[in-house]
PDB file of N, CA and C in Angstrom:
ATOM      1  N   MET A   1      50.560   9.909 -16.547  1.00  0.00           N
ATOM      2  CA  MET A   1      49.625  10.293 -17.580  1.00  0.00           C
ATOM      3  C   MET A   1      50.285  10.010 -18.930  1.00  0.00           C
ATOM      4  N   SER A   2      49.526   9.405 -19.816  1.00  0.00           N
ATOM      5  CA  SER A   2      50.085   9.082 -21.125  1.00  0.00           C
ATOM      6  C   SER A   2      50.193  10.341 -21.981  1.00  0.00           C
ATOM      7  N   THR A   3      50.978  10.207 -23.019  1.00  0.00           N
ATOM      8  CA  THR A   3      51.195  11.337 -23.917  1.00  0.00           C
ATOM      9  C   THR A   3      49.908  11.731 -24.630  1.00  0.00           C
ATOM     10  N   LEU A   4      49.116  10.740 -24.991  1.00  0.00           N
ATOM     11  CA  LEU A   4      47.851  11.025 -25.673  1.00  0.00           C
ATOM     12  C   LEU A   4      46.894  11.790 -24.759  1.00  0.00           C
ATOM     13  N   THR A   5      46.810  11.401 -23.517  1.00  0.00           N
ATOM     14  CA  THR A   5      45.941  12.105 -22.567  1.00  0.00           C
ATOM     15  C   THR A   5      46.421  13.526 -22.348  1.00  0.00           C
ATOM     16  N   PHE A   6      47.720  13.695 -22.215  1.00  0.00           N
ATOM     17  CA  PHE A   6      48.279  15.020 -22.017  1.00  0.00           C
ATOM     18  C   PHE A   6      48.005  15.906 -23.224  1.00  0.00           C
ATOM     19  N   ALA A   7      48.156  15.354 -24.433  1.00  0.00           N
ATOM     20  CA  ALA A   7      47.877  16.117 -25.648  1.00  0.00           C
ATOM     21  C   ALA A   7      46.403  16.488 -25.730  1.00  0.00           C
ATOM     22  N   LEU A   8      45.538  15.571 -25.318  1.00  0.00           N
ATOM     23  CA  LEU A   8      44.104  15.849 -25.327  1.00  0.00           C
ATOM     24  C   LEU A   8      43.751  16.970 -24.354  1.00  0.00           C
ATOM     25  N   VAL A   9      44.368  16.971 -23.179  1.00  0.00           N
ATOM     26  CA  VAL A   9      44.131  18.033 -22.198  1.00  0.00           C
ATOM     27  C   VAL A   9      44.617  19.363 -22.742  1.00  0.00           C
ATOM     28  N   LEU A  10      45.757  19.373 -23.411  1.00  0.00           N
ATOM     29  CA  LEU A  10      46.261  20.616 -23.992  1.00  0.00           C
ATOM     30  C   LEU A  10      45.341  21.153 -25.091  1.00  0.00           C
ATOM     31  N   VAL A  11      44.829  20.269 -25.924  1.00  0.00           N
ATOM     32  CA  VAL A  11      43.923  20.687 -27.001  1.00  0.00           C
ATOM     33  C   VAL A  11      42.623  21.244 -26.415  1.00  0.00           C
ATOM     34  N   VAL A  12      42.085  20.568 -25.404  1.00  0.00           N
ATOM     35  CA  VAL A  12      40.858  21.055 -24.766  1.00  0.00           C
ATOM     36  C   VAL A  12      41.108  22.415 -24.108  1.00  0.00           C
ATOM     37  N   GLY A  13      42.250  22.577 -23.464  1.00  0.00           N
ATOM     38  CA  GLY A  13      42.590  23.857 -22.854  1.00  0.00           C
ATOM     39  C   GLY A  13      42.716  24.962 -23.891  1.00  0.00           C
ATOM     40  N   LEU A  14      43.346  24.656 -25.024  1.00  0.00           N
ATOM     41  CA  LEU A  14      43.480  25.639 -26.097  1.00  0.00           C
ATOM     42  C   LEU A  14      42.120  26.037 -26.657  1.00  0.00           C
ATOM     43  N   LEU A  15      41.253  25.051 -26.874  1.00  0.00           N
ATOM     44  CA  LEU A  15      39.913  25.359 -27.370  1.00  0.00           C
ATOM     45  C   LEU A  15      39.129  26.187 -26.356  1.00  0.00           C
ATOM     46  N   LEU A  16      39.301  25.888 -25.081  1.00  0.00           N
ATOM     47  CA  LEU A  16      38.634  26.665 -24.041  1.00  0.00           C
ATOM     48  C   LEU A  16      39.071  28.123 -24.076  1.00  0.00           C
ATOM     49  N   VAL A  17      40.358  28.342 -24.225  1.00  0.00           N
ATOM     50  CA  VAL A  17      40.877  29.712 -24.276  1.00  0.00           C
ATOM     51  C   VAL A  17      40.395  30.433 -25.530  1.00  0.00           C
ATOM     52  N   LEU A  18      40.384  29.755 -26.667  1.00  0.00           N
ATOM     53  CA  LEU A  18      39.930  30.390 -27.907  1.00  0.00           C
ATOM     54  C   LEU A  18      38.449  30.758 -27.849  1.00  0.00           C
ATOM     55  N   VAL A  19      37.612  29.843 -27.378  1.00  0.00           N
ATOM     56  CA  VAL A  19      36.184  30.115 -27.283  1.00  0.00           C
ATOM     57  C   VAL A  19      35.922  31.222 -26.267  1.00  0.00           C
ATOM     58  N   ALA A  20      36.634  31.188 -25.151  1.00  0.00           N
ATOM     59  CA  ALA A  20      36.453  32.221 -24.135  1.00  0.00           C
ATOM     60  C   ALA A  20      36.889  33.585 -24.672  1.00  0.00           C
ATOM     61  N   GLY A  21      37.938  33.620 -25.461  1.00  0.00           N
ATOM     62  CA  GLY A  21      38.371  34.879 -26.069  1.00  0.00           C
ATOM     63  C   GLY A  21      37.322  35.438 -27.020  1.00  0.00           C
ATOM     64  N   LEU A  22      36.695  34.556 -27.803  1.00  0.00           N
ATOM     65  CA  LEU A  22      35.622  35.003 -28.696  1.00  0.00           C
ATOM     66  C   LEU A  22      34.426  35.524 -27.911  1.00  0.00           C
ATOM     67  N   VAL A  23      34.081  34.838 -26.834  1.00  0.00           N
ATOM     68  CA  VAL A  23      32.961  35.286 -26.009  1.00  0.00           C
ATOM     69  C   VAL A  23      33.295  36.620 -25.353  1.00  0.00           C
ATOM     70  N   LEU A  24      34.514  36.772 -24.886  1.00  0.00           N
ATOM     71  CA  LEU A  24      34.946  38.027 -24.276  1.00  0.00           C
ATOM     72  C   LEU A  24      34.863  39.180 -25.277  1.00  0.00           C
ATOM     73  N   ALA A  25      35.312  38.944 -26.492  1.00  0.00           N
ATOM     74  CA  ALA A  25      35.229  39.981 -27.526  1.00  0.00           C
ATOM     75  C   ALA A  25      33.776  40.295 -27.857  1.00  0.00           C
ATOM     76  N   GLY A  26      32.931  39.287 -27.913  1.00  0.00           N
ATOM     77  CA  GLY A  26      31.511  39.512 -28.178  1.00  0.00           C
ATOM     78  C   GLY A  26      30.836  40.314 -27.076  1.00  0.00           C
ATOM     79  N   LEU A  27      31.147  39.990 -25.835  1.00  0.00           N
ATOM     80  CA  LEU A  27      30.587  40.754 -24.717  1.00  0.00           C
ATOM     81  C   LEU A  27      31.033  42.208 -24.747  1.00  0.00           C
ATOM     82  N   ALA A  28      32.305  42.410 -25.024  1.00  0.00           N
ATOM     83  CA  ALA A  28      32.811  43.784 -25.089  1.00  0.00           C
ATOM     84  C   ALA A  28      32.145  44.549 -26.226  1.00  0.00           C
ATOM     85  N   TYR A  29      31.930  43.917 -27.367  1.00  0.00           N
ATOM     86  CA  TYR A  29      31.286  44.588 -28.496  1.00  0.00           C
ATOM     87  C   TYR A  29      29.828  44.932 -28.187  1.00  0.00           C
ATOM     88  N   VAL A  30      29.111  43.962 -27.626  1.00  0.00           N
ATOM     89  CA  VAL A  30      27.692  44.201 -27.330  1.00  0.00           C
ATOM     90  C   VAL A  30      27.532  45.302 -26.294  1.00  0.00           C
ATOM     91  N   THR A  31      28.345  45.291 -25.267  1.00  0.00           N
ATOM     92  CA  THR A  31      28.208  46.324 -24.244  1.00  0.00           C
ATOM     93  C   THR A  31      28.711  47.680 -24.743  1.00  0.00           C
ATOM     94  N   TYR A  32      29.604  47.674 -25.707  1.00  0.00           N
ATOM     95  CA  TYR A  32      30.041  48.943 -26.308  1.00  0.00           C
ATOM     96  C   TYR A  32      28.938  49.539 -27.169  1.00  0.00           C
ATOM     97  N   ARG A  33      28.245  48.678 -27.916  1.00  0.00           N
ATOM     98  CA  ARG A  33      27.176  49.152 -28.803  1.00  0.00           C
ATOM     99  C   ARG A  33      25.917  49.532 -28.015  1.00  0.00           C
ATOM    100  N   HIS A  34      25.704  48.903 -26.878  1.00  0.00           N
ATOM    101  CA  HIS A  34      24.527  49.179 -26.048  1.00  0.00           C
ATOM    102  C   HIS A  34      24.998  49.501 -24.632  1.00  0.00           C
ATOM    103  N   PRO A  35      25.472  50.721 -24.413  1.00  0.00           N
ATOM    104  CA  PRO A  35      26.084  51.043 -23.119  1.00  0.00           C
ATOM    105  C   PRO A  35      25.133  50.988 -21.940  1.00  0.00           C
ATOM    106  N   ARG A  36      23.836  50.998 -22.175  1.00  0.00           N
ATOM    107  CA  ARG A  36      22.927  50.943 -21.040  1.00  0.00           C
ATOM    108  C   ARG A  36      22.878  49.549 -20.419  1.00  0.00           C
ATOM    109  N   LEU A  37      23.382  48.530 -21.133  1.00  0.00           N
ATOM    110  CA  LEU A  37      23.394  47.182 -20.563  1.00  0.00           C
ATOM    111  C   LEU A  37      24.338  47.101 -19.364  1.00  0.00           C
ATOM    112  N   GLU A  38      25.539  47.587 -19.529  1.00  0.00           N
ATOM    113  CA  GLU A  38      26.543  47.585 -18.465  1.00  0.00           C
ATOM    114  C   GLU A  38      27.778  48.272 -19.011  1.00  0.00           C
ATOM    115  N   LYS A  39      28.687  48.641 -18.132  1.00  0.00           N
ATOM    116  CA  LYS A  39      29.927  49.248 -18.601  1.00  0.00           C
ATOM    117  C   LYS A  39      30.778  48.167 -19.275  1.00  0.00           C
ATOM    118  N   PRO A  40      31.305  48.442 -20.469  1.00  0.00           N
ATOM    119  CA  PRO A  40      32.028  47.404 -21.224  1.00  0.00           C
ATOM    120  C   PRO A  40      33.207  46.801 -20.465  1.00  0.00           C
ATOM    121  N   LEU A  41      33.995  47.609 -19.825  1.00  0.00           N
ATOM    122  CA  LEU A  41      35.157  47.049 -19.145  1.00  0.00           C
ATOM    123  C   LEU A  41      34.774  46.252 -17.911  1.00  0.00           C
ATOM    124  N   GLY A  42      33.653  46.581 -17.302  1.00  0.00           N
ATOM    125  CA  GLY A  42      33.204  45.822 -16.131  1.00  0.00           C
ATOM    126  C   GLY A  42      32.832  44.397 -16.493  1.00  0.00           C
ATOM    127  N   ILE A  43      32.051  44.236 -17.539  1.00  0.00           N
ATOM    128  CA  ILE A  43      31.651  42.894 -17.964  1.00  0.00           C
ATOM    129  C   ILE A  43      32.849  42.134 -18.506  1.00  0.00           C
ATOM    130  N   ALA A  44      33.666  42.785 -19.320  1.00  0.00           N
ATOM    131  CA  ALA A  44      34.838  42.110 -19.884  1.00  0.00           C
ATOM    132  C   ALA A  44      35.790  41.688 -18.777  1.00  0.00           C
ATOM    133  N   GLY A  45      35.978  42.535 -17.780  1.00  0.00           N
ATOM    134  CA  GLY A  45      36.854  42.191 -16.653  1.00  0.00           C
ATOM    135  C   GLY A  45      36.308  41.039 -15.836  1.00  0.00           C
ATOM    136  N   SER A  46      35.007  41.007 -15.617  1.00  0.00           N
ATOM    137  CA  SER A  46      34.396  39.906 -14.871  1.00  0.00           C
ATOM    138  C   SER A  46      34.577  38.586 -15.613  1.00  0.00           C
ATOM    139  N   PHE A  47      34.331  38.610 -16.911  1.00  0.00           N
ATOM    140  CA  PHE A  47      34.491  37.395 -17.694  1.00  0.00           C
ATOM    141  C   PHE A  47      35.953  36.952 -17.727  1.00  0.00           C
ATOM    142  N   ALA A  48      36.864  37.899 -17.822  1.00  0.00           N
ATOM    143  CA  ALA A  48      38.284  37.564 -17.821  1.00  0.00           C
ATOM    144  C   ALA A  48      38.682  36.928 -16.490  1.00  0.00           C
ATOM    145  N   GLY A  49      38.118  37.415 -15.397  1.00  0.00           N
ATOM    146  CA  GLY A  49      38.393  36.817 -14.094  1.00  0.00           C
ATOM    147  C   GLY A  49      37.904  35.383 -14.013  1.00  0.00           C
ATOM    148  N   VAL A  50      36.724  35.127 -14.540  1.00  0.00           N
ATOM    149  CA  VAL A  50      36.205  33.751 -14.565  1.00  0.00           C
ATOM    150  C   VAL A  50      37.068  32.879 -15.461  1.00  0.00           C
ATOM    151  N   LEU A  51      37.504  33.406 -16.589  1.00  0.00           N
ATOM    152  CA  LEU A  51      38.370  32.653 -17.493  1.00  0.00           C
ATOM    153  C   LEU A  51      39.679  32.278 -16.810  1.00  0.00           C
ATOM    154  N   VAL A  52      40.277  33.212 -16.101  1.00  0.00           N
ATOM    155  CA  VAL A  52      41.525  32.925 -15.391  1.00  0.00           C
ATOM    156  C   VAL A  52      41.296  31.843 -14.342  1.00  0.00           C
ATOM    157  N   ALA A  53      40.188  31.900 -13.636  1.00  0.00           N
ATOM    158  CA  ALA A  53      39.888  30.882 -12.622  1.00  0.00           C
ATOM    159  C   ALA A  53      39.732  29.501 -13.258  1.00  0.00           C
ATOM    160  N   VAL A  54      39.082  29.426 -14.407  1.00  0.00           N
ATOM    161  CA  VAL A  54      38.908  28.137 -15.084  1.00  0.00           C
ATOM    162  C   VAL A  54      40.249  27.599 -15.569  1.00  0.00           C
ATOM    163  N   VAL A  55      41.072  28.454 -16.142  1.00  0.00           N
ATOM    164  CA  VAL A  55      42.385  28.011 -16.633  1.00  0.00           C
ATOM    165  C   VAL A  55      43.267  27.551 -15.477  1.00  0.00           C
ATOM    166  N   VAL A  56      43.245  28.267 -14.365  1.00  0.00           N
ATOM    167  CA  VAL A  56      44.037  27.852 -13.201  1.00  0.00           C
ATOM    168  C   VAL A  56      43.540  26.509 -12.681  1.00  0.00           C
ATOM    169  N   GLY A  57      42.246  26.314 -12.663  1.00  0.00           N
ATOM    170  CA  GLY A  57      41.700  25.017 -12.252  1.00  0.00           C
ATOM    171  C   GLY A  57      42.121  23.900 -13.182  1.00  0.00           C
ATOM    172  N   LEU A  58      42.113  24.161 -14.479  1.00  0.00           N
ATOM    173  CA  LEU A  58      42.544  23.146 -15.450  1.00  0.00           C
ATOM    174  C   LEU A  58      44.012  22.803 -15.266  1.00  0.00           C
ATOM    175  N   VAL A  59      44.848  23.808 -15.056  1.00  0.00           N
ATOM    176  CA  VAL A  59      46.272  23.563 -14.827  1.00  0.00           C
ATOM    177  C   VAL A  59      46.483  22.781 -13.536  1.00  0.00           C
ATOM    178  N   ALA A  60      45.704  23.089 -12.516  1.00  0.00           N
ATOM    179  CA  ALA A  60      45.832  22.367 -11.244  1.00  0.00           C
ATOM    180  C   ALA A  60      45.450  20.901 -11.406  1.00  0.00           C
ATOM    181  N   ILE A  61      44.396  20.641 -12.165  1.00  0.00           N
ATOM    182  CA  ILE A  61      43.985  19.254 -12.387  1.00  0.00           C
ATOM    183  C   ILE A  61      45.061  18.489 -13.143  1.00  0.00           C
ATOM    184  N   VAL A  62      45.642  19.112 -14.157  1.00  0.00           N
ATOM    185  CA  VAL A  62      46.705  18.447 -14.918  1.00  0.00           C
ATOM    186  C   VAL A  62      47.918  18.203 -14.021  1.00  0.00           C
ATOM    187  N   ALA A  63      48.264  19.172 -13.183  1.00  0.00           N
ATOM    188  CA  ALA A  63      49.412  19.018 -12.300  1.00  0.00           C
ATOM    189  C   ALA A  63      49.185  17.923 -11.274  1.00  0.00           C
ATOM    190  N   LEU A  64      47.983  17.782 -10.773  1.00  0.00           N
ATOM    191  CA  LEU A  64      47.691  16.762  -9.766  1.00  0.00           C
ATOM    192  C   LEU A  64      47.612  15.351 -10.356  1.00  0.00           C
ATOM    193  N   THR A  65      47.265  15.239 -11.627  1.00  0.00           N
ATOM    194  CA  THR A  65      47.134  13.920 -12.219  1.00  0.00           C
ATOM    195  C   THR A  65      48.429  13.404 -12.824  1.00  0.00           C
ATOM    196  N   THR A  66      49.467  14.221 -12.879  1.00  0.00           N
ATOM    197  CA  THR A  66      50.736  13.740 -13.428  1.00  0.00           C
ATOM    198  C   THR A  66      51.647  13.237 -12.346  1.00  0.00           C
TER     199      THR A  66
END
């Protein structure tokens, strides 16, 4: 894998983590302000689990292509 491709994968991964963090914070805020929607930690934990799965998949793809 070239250096440019590797740098591009790292930038995309960083943007994915930043956007997911913003979405996670937004979900936690909305569920805190409107508790009848769902328990805040339940939704935040579910989203965090999906985020971890996506990041692990991205790392696996990078590891397999190098």
